[in-house]
PDB file of N, CA and C in Angstrom:
ATOM      1  N   MET A   1     204.839 -35.650  86.353  1.00  0.00           N
ATOM      2  CA  MET A   1     203.451 -36.032  86.184  1.00  0.00           C
ATOM      3  C   MET A   1     202.782 -36.049  87.564  1.00  0.00           C
ATOM      4  N   THR A   2     201.649 -35.378  87.670  1.00  0.00           N
ATOM      5  CA  THR A   2     200.920 -35.285  88.925  1.00  0.00           C
ATOM      6  C   THR A   2     199.823 -36.339  88.981  1.00  0.00           C
ATOM      7  N   GLU A   3     199.806 -37.087  90.068  1.00  0.00           N
ATOM      8  CA  GLU A   3     198.744 -38.067  90.299  1.00  0.00           C
ATOM      9  C   GLU A   3     197.528 -37.326  90.835  1.00  0.00           C
ATOM     10  N   ILE A   4     196.362 -37.637  90.316  1.00  0.00           N
ATOM     11  CA  ILE A   4     195.133 -36.943  90.714  1.00  0.00           C
ATOM     12  C   ILE A   4     194.152 -37.951  91.293  1.00  0.00           C
ATOM     13  N   THR A   5     193.576 -37.595  92.436  1.00  0.00           N
ATOM     14  CA  THR A   5     192.492 -38.384  92.999  1.00  0.00           C
ATOM     15  C   THR A   5     191.285 -37.466  93.186  1.00  0.00           C
ATOM     16  N   PHE A   6     190.106 -38.055  93.166  1.00  0.00           N
ATOM     17  CA  PHE A   6     188.867 -37.297  93.308  1.00  0.00           C
ATOM     18  C   PHE A   6     188.214 -37.633  94.645  1.00  0.00           C
ATOM     19  N   SER A   7     187.934 -36.623  95.449  1.00  0.00           N
ATOM     20  CA  SER A   7     187.226 -36.860  96.710  1.00  0.00           C
ATOM     21  C   SER A   7     185.772 -37.200  96.391  1.00  0.00           C
ATOM     22  N   SER A   8     185.073 -37.776  97.355  1.00  0.00           N
ATOM     23  CA  SER A   8     183.662 -38.112  97.139  1.00  0.00           C
ATOM     24  C   SER A   8     182.837 -36.845  96.905  1.00  0.00           C
ATOM     25  N   SER A   9     183.194 -35.740  97.557  1.00  0.00           N
ATOM     26  CA  SER A   9     182.463 -34.486  97.340  1.00  0.00           C
ATOM     27  C   SER A   9     182.690 -33.965  95.922  1.00  0.00           C
ATOM     28  N   PHE A  10     183.901 -34.151  95.389  1.00  0.00           N
ATOM     29  CA  PHE A  10     184.168 -33.744  94.009  1.00  0.00           C
ATOM     30  C   PHE A  10     183.328 -34.578  93.039  1.00  0.00           C
ATOM     31  N   LYS A  11     183.286 -35.883  93.268  1.00  0.00           N
ATOM     32  CA  LYS A  11     182.517 -36.761  92.384  1.00  0.00           C
ATOM     33  C   LYS A  11     181.039 -36.369  92.360  1.00  0.00           C
ATOM     34  N   ARG A  12     180.476 -36.052  93.533  1.00  0.00           N
ATOM     35  CA  ARG A  12     179.075 -35.624  93.605  1.00  0.00           C
ATOM     36  C   ARG A  12     178.869 -34.319  92.847  1.00  0.00           C
ATOM     37  N   ALA A  13     179.766 -33.350  93.068  1.00  0.00           N
ATOM     38  CA  ALA A  13     179.651 -32.049  92.402  1.00  0.00           C
ATOM     39  C   ALA A  13     179.798 -32.200  90.889  1.00  0.00           C
ATOM     40  N   PHE A  14     180.736 -33.035  90.457  1.00  0.00           N
ATOM     41  CA  PHE A  14     180.950 -33.251  89.024  1.00  0.00           C
ATOM     42  C   PHE A  14     179.690 -33.830  88.388  1.00  0.00           C
ATOM     43  N   LYS A  15     179.116 -34.822  89.037  1.00  0.00           N
ATOM     44  CA  LYS A  15     177.915 -35.465  88.500  1.00  0.00           C
ATOM     45  C   LYS A  15     176.752 -34.480  88.421  1.00  0.00           C
ATOM     46  N   LYS A  16     176.613 -33.652  89.430  1.00  0.00           N
ATOM     47  CA  LYS A  16     175.499 -32.707  89.502  1.00  0.00           C
ATOM     48  C   LYS A  16     175.687 -31.501  88.567  1.00  0.00           C
ATOM     49  N   ARG A  17     176.910 -30.974  88.485  1.00  0.00           N
ATOM     50  CA  ARG A  17     177.129 -29.692  87.799  1.00  0.00           C
ATOM     51  C   ARG A  17     177.754 -29.793  86.409  1.00  0.00           C
ATOM     52  N   ILE A  18     178.460 -30.876  86.123  1.00  0.00           N
ATOM     53  CA  ILE A  18     179.242 -30.946  84.883  1.00  0.00           C
ATOM     54  C   ILE A  18     178.795 -32.080  83.970  1.00  0.00           C
ATOM     55  N   GLU A  19     178.622 -33.255  84.536  1.00  0.00           N
ATOM     56  CA  GLU A  19     178.311 -34.445  83.737  1.00  0.00           C
ATOM     57  C   GLU A  19     177.067 -34.214  82.883  1.00  0.00           C
ATOM     58  N   GLY A  20     177.169 -34.600  81.599  1.00  0.00           N
ATOM     59  CA  GLY A  20     176.049 -34.437  80.686  1.00  0.00           C
ATOM     60  C   GLY A  20     176.079 -33.133  79.906  1.00  0.00           C
ATOM     61  N   ARG A  21     176.888 -32.187  80.355  1.00  0.00           N
ATOM     62  CA  ARG A  21     177.079 -30.930  79.618  1.00  0.00           C
ATOM     63  C   ARG A  21     178.324 -31.137  78.755  1.00  0.00           C
ATOM     64  N   LYS A  22     178.137 -31.781  77.609  1.00  0.00           N
ATOM     65  CA  LYS A  22     179.229 -32.313  76.795  1.00  0.00           C
ATOM     66  C   LYS A  22     180.370 -31.331  76.530  1.00  0.00           C
ATOM     67  N   PRO A  23     180.121 -30.103  76.049  1.00  0.00           N
ATOM     68  CA  PRO A  23     181.259 -29.198  75.790  1.00  0.00           C
ATOM     69  C   PRO A  23     182.062 -28.896  77.061  1.00  0.00           C
ATOM     70  N   LEU A  24     181.365 -28.699  78.179  1.00  0.00           N
ATOM     71  CA  LEU A  24     182.044 -28.407  79.438  1.00  0.00           C
ATOM     72  C   LEU A  24     182.789 -29.636  79.953  1.00  0.00           C
ATOM     73  N   GLU A  25     182.179 -30.783  79.836  1.00  0.00           N
ATOM     74  CA  GLU A  25     182.814 -32.022  80.277  1.00  0.00           C
ATOM     75  C   GLU A  25     184.088 -32.284  79.464  1.00  0.00           C
ATOM     76  N   ASP A  26     184.013 -32.082  78.145  1.00  0.00           N
ATOM     77  CA  ASP A  26     185.195 -32.252  77.291  1.00  0.00           C
ATOM     78  C   ASP A  26     186.303 -31.288  77.685  1.00  0.00           C
ATOM     79  N   LYS A  27     185.921 -30.045  77.966  1.00  0.00           N
ATOM     80  CA  LYS A  27     186.913 -29.043  78.363  1.00  0.00           C
ATOM     81  C   LYS A  27     187.573 -29.442  79.685  1.00  0.00           C
ATOM     82  N   PHE A  28     186.782 -29.987  80.623  1.00  0.00           N
ATOM     83  CA  PHE A  28     187.344 -30.447  81.900  1.00  0.00           C
ATOM     84  C   PHE A  28     188.430 -31.491  81.669  1.00  0.00           C
ATOM     85  N   TRP A  29     188.144 -32.497  80.829  1.00  0.00           N
ATOM     86  CA  TRP A  29     189.108 -33.576  80.617  1.00  0.00           C
ATOM     87  C   TRP A  29     190.377 -33.066  79.923  1.00  0.00           C
ATOM     88  N   ARG A  30     190.233 -32.088  79.022  1.00  0.00           N
ATOM     89  CA  ARG A  30     191.423 -31.493  78.394  1.00  0.00           C
ATOM     90  C   ARG A  30     192.258 -30.730  79.419  1.00  0.00           C
ATOM     91  N   ARG A  31     191.591 -29.979  80.295  1.00  0.00           N
ATOM     92  CA  ARG A  31     192.304 -29.238  81.346  1.00  0.00           C
ATOM     93  C   ARG A  31     192.958 -30.182  82.340  1.00  0.00           C
ATOM     94  N   LEU A  32     192.321 -31.300  82.600  1.00  0.00           N
ATOM     95  CA  LEU A  32     192.887 -32.295  83.510  1.00  0.00           C
ATOM     96  C   LEU A  32     194.231 -32.796  82.989  1.00  0.00           C
ATOM     97  N   GLU A  33     194.325 -33.017  81.692  1.00  0.00           N
ATOM     98  CA  GLU A  33     195.593 -33.462  81.096  1.00  0.00           C
ATOM     99  C   GLU A  33     196.677 -32.400  81.229  1.00  0.00           C
ATOM    100  N   ILE A  34     196.312 -31.144  81.028  1.00  0.00           N
ATOM    101  CA  ILE A  34     197.267 -30.044  81.221  1.00  0.00           C
ATOM    102  C   ILE A  34     197.725 -30.027  82.672  1.00  0.00           C
ATOM    103  N   PHE A  35     196.755 -30.134  83.609  1.00  0.00           N
ATOM    104  CA  PHE A  35     197.060 -30.136  85.038  1.00  0.00           C
ATOM    105  C   PHE A  35     197.997 -31.295  85.387  1.00  0.00           C
ATOM    106  N   ARG A  36     197.709 -32.467  84.846  1.00  0.00           N
ATOM    107  CA  ARG A  36     198.518 -33.649  85.144  1.00  0.00           C
ATOM    108  C   ARG A  36     199.980 -33.417  84.740  1.00  0.00           C
ATOM    109  N   ASP A  37     200.193 -32.764  83.603  1.00  0.00           N
ATOM    110  CA  ASP A  37     201.555 -32.477  83.137  1.00  0.00           C
ATOM    111  C   ASP A  37     202.223 -31.361  83.932  1.00  0.00           C
ATOM    112  N   ASN A  38     201.446 -30.329  84.282  1.00  0.00           N
ATOM    113  CA  ASN A  38     201.999 -29.183  85.009  1.00  0.00           C
ATOM    114  C   ASN A  38     200.870 -28.433  85.707  1.00  0.00           C
ATOM    115  N   PRO A  39     200.666 -28.662  87.016  1.00  0.00           N
ATOM    116  CA  PRO A  39     199.564 -28.013  87.732  1.00  0.00           C
ATOM    117  C   PRO A  39     199.627 -26.484  87.729  1.00  0.00           C
ATOM    118  N   LEU A  40     200.800 -25.935  87.469  1.00  0.00           N
ATOM    119  CA  LEU A  40     200.935 -24.474  87.493  1.00  0.00           C
ATOM    120  C   LEU A  40     201.011 -23.878  86.088  1.00  0.00           C
ATOM    121  N   ASP A  41     200.593 -24.628  85.082  1.00  0.00           N
ATOM    122  CA  ASP A  41     200.569 -24.133  83.704  1.00  0.00           C
ATOM    123  C   ASP A  41     199.732 -22.849  83.644  1.00  0.00           C
ATOM    124  N   ALA A  42     200.237 -21.835  82.973  1.00  0.00           N
ATOM    125  CA  ALA A  42     199.575 -20.530  82.911  1.00  0.00           C
ATOM    126  C   ALA A  42     198.166 -20.609  82.320  1.00  0.00           C
ATOM    127  N   ARG A  43     197.915 -21.556  81.439  1.00  0.00           N
ATOM    128  CA  ARG A  43     196.582 -21.697  80.837  1.00  0.00           C
ATOM    129  C   ARG A  43     195.504 -22.033  81.867  1.00  0.00           C
ATOM    130  N   LEU A  44     195.905 -22.624  82.992  1.00  0.00           N
ATOM    131  CA  LEU A  44     194.952 -23.026  84.025  1.00  0.00           C
ATOM    132  C   LEU A  44     194.635 -21.899  85.007  1.00  0.00           C
ATOM    133  N   ARG A  45     195.492 -20.894  85.045  1.00  0.00           N
ATOM    134  CA  ARG A  45     195.348 -19.786  86.010  1.00  0.00           C
ATOM    135  C   ARG A  45     195.250 -20.330  87.447  1.00  0.00           C
ATOM    136  N   THR A  46     196.117 -21.267  87.783  1.00  0.00           N
ATOM    137  CA  THR A  46     196.156 -21.878  89.108  1.00  0.00           C
ATOM    138  C   THR A  46     196.571 -20.845  90.145  1.00  0.00           C
ATOM    139  N   HIS A  47     195.864 -20.826  91.274  1.00  0.00           N
ATOM    140  CA  HIS A  47     196.219 -19.885  92.338  1.00  0.00           C
ATOM    141  C   HIS A  47     195.834 -20.459  93.701  1.00  0.00           C
ATOM    142  N   LYS A  48     196.577 -20.023  94.694  1.00  0.00           N
ATOM    143  CA  LYS A  48     196.332 -20.411  96.089  1.00  0.00           C
ATOM    144  C   LYS A  48     195.150 -19.604  96.606  1.00  0.00           C
ATOM    145  N   LEU A  49     194.303 -20.249  97.395  1.00  0.00           N
ATOM    146  CA  LEU A  49     193.146 -19.568  97.962  1.00  0.00           C
ATOM    147  C   LEU A  49     193.481 -19.005  99.342  1.00  0.00           C
ATOM    148  N   SER A  50     192.586 -18.198  99.859  1.00  0.00           N
ATOM    149  CA  SER A  50     192.815 -17.578 101.167  1.00  0.00           C
ATOM    150  C   SER A  50     191.576 -17.770 102.041  1.00  0.00           C
ATOM    151  N   GLY A  51     191.634 -17.245 103.234  1.00  0.00           N
ATOM    152  CA  GLY A  51     190.511 -17.356 104.159  1.00  0.00           C
ATOM    153  C   GLY A  51     190.285 -18.779 104.614  1.00  0.00           C
ATOM    154  N   GLU A  52     189.020 -19.188 104.662  1.00  0.00           N
ATOM    155  CA  GLU A  52     188.680 -20.532 105.122  1.00  0.00           C
ATOM    156  C   GLU A  52     189.253 -21.620 104.202  1.00  0.00           C
ATOM    157  N   LEU A  53     189.533 -21.269 102.966  1.00  0.00           N
ATOM    158  CA  LEU A  53     190.065 -22.236 101.993  1.00  0.00           C
ATOM    159  C   LEU A  53     191.569 -22.082 101.801  1.00  0.00           C
ATOM    160  N   ARG A  54     192.263 -21.531 102.777  1.00  0.00           N
ATOM    161  CA  ARG A  54     193.690 -21.214 102.629  1.00  0.00           C
ATOM    162  C   ARG A  54     194.574 -22.449 102.400  1.00  0.00           C
ATOM    163  N   GLU A  55     194.076 -23.635 102.691  1.00  0.00           N
ATOM    164  CA  GLU A  55     194.833 -24.864 102.444  1.00  0.00           C
ATOM    165  C   GLU A  55     194.593 -25.396 101.026  1.00  0.00           C
ATOM    166  N   HIS A  56     193.758 -24.706 100.265  1.00  0.00           N
ATOM    167  CA  HIS A  56     193.352 -25.166  98.949  1.00  0.00           C
ATOM    168  C   HIS A  56     193.910 -24.285  97.835  1.00  0.00           C
ATOM    169  N   TRP A  57     193.847 -24.832  96.632  1.00  0.00           N
ATOM    170  CA  TRP A  57     194.219 -24.137  95.404  1.00  0.00           C
ATOM    171  C   TRP A  57     193.040 -24.247  94.455  1.00  0.00           C
ATOM    172  N   SER A  58     193.071 -23.451  93.391  1.00  0.00           N
ATOM    173  CA  SER A  58     192.010 -23.491  92.399  1.00  0.00           C
ATOM    174  C   SER A  58     192.601 -23.307  91.007  1.00  0.00           C
ATOM    175  N   PHE A  59     191.947 -23.904  90.013  1.00  0.00           N
ATOM    176  CA  PHE A  59     192.292 -23.605  88.624  1.00  0.00           C
ATOM    177  C   PHE A  59     191.012 -23.491  87.808  1.00  0.00           C
ATOM    178  N   THR A  60     191.122 -22.840  86.659  1.00  0.00           N
ATOM    179  CA  THR A  60     189.974 -22.497  85.837  1.00  0.00           C
ATOM    180  C   THR A  60     189.747 -23.512  84.719  1.00  0.00           C
ATOM    181  N   ILE A  61     188.494 -23.922  84.580  1.00  0.00           N
ATOM    182  CA  ILE A  61     188.089 -24.764  83.454  1.00  0.00           C
ATOM    183  C   ILE A  61     187.631 -23.856  82.310  1.00  0.00           C
ATOM    184  N   GLU A  62     186.742 -22.935  82.622  1.00  0.00           N
ATOM    185  CA  GLU A  62     186.347 -21.885  81.695  1.00  0.00           C
ATOM    186  C   GLU A  62     186.003 -20.664  82.526  1.00  0.00           C
ATOM    187  N   TYR A  63     185.547 -19.617  81.901  1.00  0.00           N
ATOM    188  CA  TYR A  63     185.394 -18.319  82.565  1.00  0.00           C
ATOM    189  C   TYR A  63     184.910 -18.406  84.011  1.00  0.00           C
ATOM    190  N   ASP A  64     183.810 -19.083  84.268  1.00  0.00           N
ATOM    191  CA  ASP A  64     183.267 -19.102  85.632  1.00  0.00           C
ATOM    192  C   ASP A  64     183.176 -20.511  86.228  1.00  0.00           C
ATOM    193  N   VAL A  65     183.970 -21.435  85.737  1.00  0.00           N
ATOM    194  CA  VAL A  65     183.969 -22.799  86.300  1.00  0.00           C
ATOM    195  C   VAL A  65     185.361 -23.099  86.835  1.00  0.00           C
ATOM    196  N   ARG A  66     185.410 -23.482  88.109  1.00  0.00           N
ATOM    197  CA  ARG A  66     186.679 -23.724  88.794  1.00  0.00           C
ATOM    198  C   ARG A  66     186.738 -25.122  89.387  1.00  0.00           C
ATOM    199  N   VAL A  67     187.959 -25.606  89.563  1.00  0.00           N
ATOM    200  CA  VAL A  67     188.222 -26.826  90.326  1.00  0.00           C
ATOM    201  C   VAL A  67     189.005 -26.405  91.563  1.00  0.00           C
ATOM    202  N   VAL A  68     188.538 -26.819  92.722  1.00  0.00           N
ATOM    203  CA  VAL A  68     189.230 -26.563  93.982  1.00  0.00           C
ATOM    204  C   VAL A  68     189.923 -27.863  94.387  1.00  0.00           C
ATOM    205  N   PHE A  69     191.187 -27.752  94.750  1.00  0.00           N
ATOM    206  CA  PHE A  69     191.965 -28.945  95.073  1.00  0.00           C
ATOM    207  C   PHE A  69     192.988 -28.646  96.157  1.00  0.00           C
ATOM    208  N   GLN A  70     193.604 -29.710  96.665  1.00  0.00           N
ATOM    209  CA  GLN A  70     194.699 -29.614  97.617  1.00  0.00           C
ATOM    210  C   GLN A  70     195.863 -30.426  97.090  1.00  0.00           C
ATOM    211  N   PHE A  71     197.057 -29.952  97.352  1.00  0.00           N
ATOM    212  CA  PHE A  71     198.240 -30.761  97.080  1.00  0.00           C
ATOM    213  C   PHE A  71     198.449 -31.672  98.278  1.00  0.00           C
ATOM    214  N   ALA A  72     198.353 -32.982  98.065  1.00  0.00           N
ATOM    215  CA  ALA A  72     198.577 -33.945  99.141  1.00  0.00           C
ATOM    216  C   ALA A  72     200.074 -34.186  99.322  1.00  0.00           C
ATOM    217  N   SER A  73     200.825 -34.031  98.246  1.00  0.00           N
ATOM    218  CA  SER A  73     202.277 -34.126  98.264  1.00  0.00           C
ATOM    219  C   SER A  73     202.778 -33.414  97.009  1.00  0.00           C
ATOM    220  N   LYS A  74     204.076 -33.466  96.783  1.00  0.00           N
ATOM    221  CA  LYS A  74     204.644 -32.751  95.636  1.00  0.00           C
ATOM    222  C   LYS A  74     204.033 -33.197  94.314  1.00  0.00           C
ATOM    223  N   ASN A  75     203.751 -34.479  94.171  1.00  0.00           N
ATOM    224  CA  ASN A  75     203.249 -35.015  92.903  1.00  0.00           C
ATOM    225  C   ASN A  75     201.867 -35.637  93.015  1.00  0.00           C
ATOM    226  N   ARG A  76     201.086 -35.178  93.977  1.00  0.00           N
ATOM    227  CA  ARG A  76     199.742 -35.728  94.160  1.00  0.00           C
ATOM    228  C   ARG A  76     198.770 -34.626  94.548  1.00  0.00           C
ATOM    229  N   ALA A  77     197.637 -34.583  93.848  1.00  0.00           N
ATOM    230  CA  ALA A  77     196.602 -33.588  94.134  1.00  0.00           C
ATOM    231  C   ALA A  77     195.269 -34.290  94.355  1.00  0.00           C
ATOM    232  N   VAL A  78     194.476 -33.736  95.266  1.00  0.00           N
ATOM    233  CA  VAL A  78     193.146 -34.267  95.543  1.00  0.00           C
ATOM    234  C   VAL A  78     192.133 -33.200  95.159  1.00  0.00           C
ATOM    235  N   PHE A  79     191.322 -33.489  94.142  1.00  0.00           N
ATOM    236  CA  PHE A  79     190.287 -32.558  93.712  1.00  0.00           C
ATOM    237  C   PHE A  79     189.148 -32.613  94.724  1.00  0.00           C
ATOM    238  N   GLN A  80     188.729 -31.436  95.207  1.00  0.00           N
ATOM    239  CA  GLN A  80     187.727 -31.340  96.265  1.00  0.00           C
ATOM    240  C   GLN A  80     186.351 -30.874  95.782  1.00  0.00           C
ATOM    241  N   ASP A  81     186.313 -29.957  94.800  1.00  0.00           N
ATOM    242  CA  ASP A  81     185.039 -29.383  94.361  1.00  0.00           C
ATOM    243  C   ASP A  81     185.182 -28.863  92.942  1.00  0.00           C
ATOM    244  N   ILE A  82     184.063 -28.744  92.257  1.00  0.00           N
ATOM    245  CA  ILE A  82     184.026 -28.166  90.918  1.00  0.00           C
ATOM    246  C   ILE A  82     182.695 -27.439  90.767  1.00  0.00           C
ATOM    247  N   GLY A  83     182.729 -26.292  90.109  1.00  0.00           N
ATOM    248  CA  GLY A  83     181.513 -25.536  89.868  1.00  0.00           C
ATOM    249  C   GLY A  83     181.834 -24.090  89.583  1.00  0.00           C
ATOM    250  N   THR A  84     180.787 -23.276  89.562  1.00  0.00           N
ATOM    251  CA  THR A  84     180.972 -21.850  89.324  1.00  0.00           C
ATOM    252  C   THR A  84     181.646 -21.214  90.543  1.00  0.00           C
ATOM    253  N   HIS A  85     182.086 -20.003  90.352  1.00  0.00           N
ATOM    254  CA  HIS A  85     182.733 -19.252  91.442  1.00  0.00           C
ATOM    255  C   HIS A  85     181.865 -19.265  92.692  1.00  0.00           C
ATOM    256  N   ASP A  86     180.587 -18.944  92.546  1.00  0.00           N
ATOM    257  CA  ASP A  86     179.683 -18.879  93.705  1.00  0.00           C
ATOM    258  C   ASP A  86     179.432 -20.249  94.328  1.00  0.00           C
ATOM    259  N   GLU A  87     179.490 -21.318  93.544  1.00  0.00           N
ATOM    260  CA  GLU A  87     179.244 -22.661  94.083  1.00  0.00           C
ATOM    261  C   GLU A  87     180.431 -23.187  94.888  1.00  0.00           C
ATOM    262  N   VAL A  88     181.641 -22.860  94.500  1.00  0.00           N
ATOM    263  CA  VAL A  88     182.796 -23.467  95.164  1.00  0.00           C
ATOM    264  C   VAL A  88     183.448 -22.595  96.234  1.00  0.00           C
ATOM    265  N   TYR A  89     183.182 -21.290  96.236  1.00  0.00           N
ATOM    266  CA  TYR A  89     183.837 -20.426  97.236  1.00  0.00           C
ATOM    267  C   TYR A  89     182.888 -20.060  98.330  1.00  0.00           C
TER     268      TYR A  89
END
């Protein structure tokens, strides 16, 4: 089980881009449970980023909505950003 924490930048992005969009918000919480059980589950399409974000990873909520995060340790992840491809990269 992976422990998840939300950075202040993630909380701001979530409130601005996701909160209040009920179907998307529901999908986020379902994906969060999958992530908590297995961050590398194939349904999430988790992948390591490159370039300036090379210390980060990303997984997919839906077609163009991603969560950017870092592994703080083997069983702990810190969510950094959420939004469309263009918003988070």
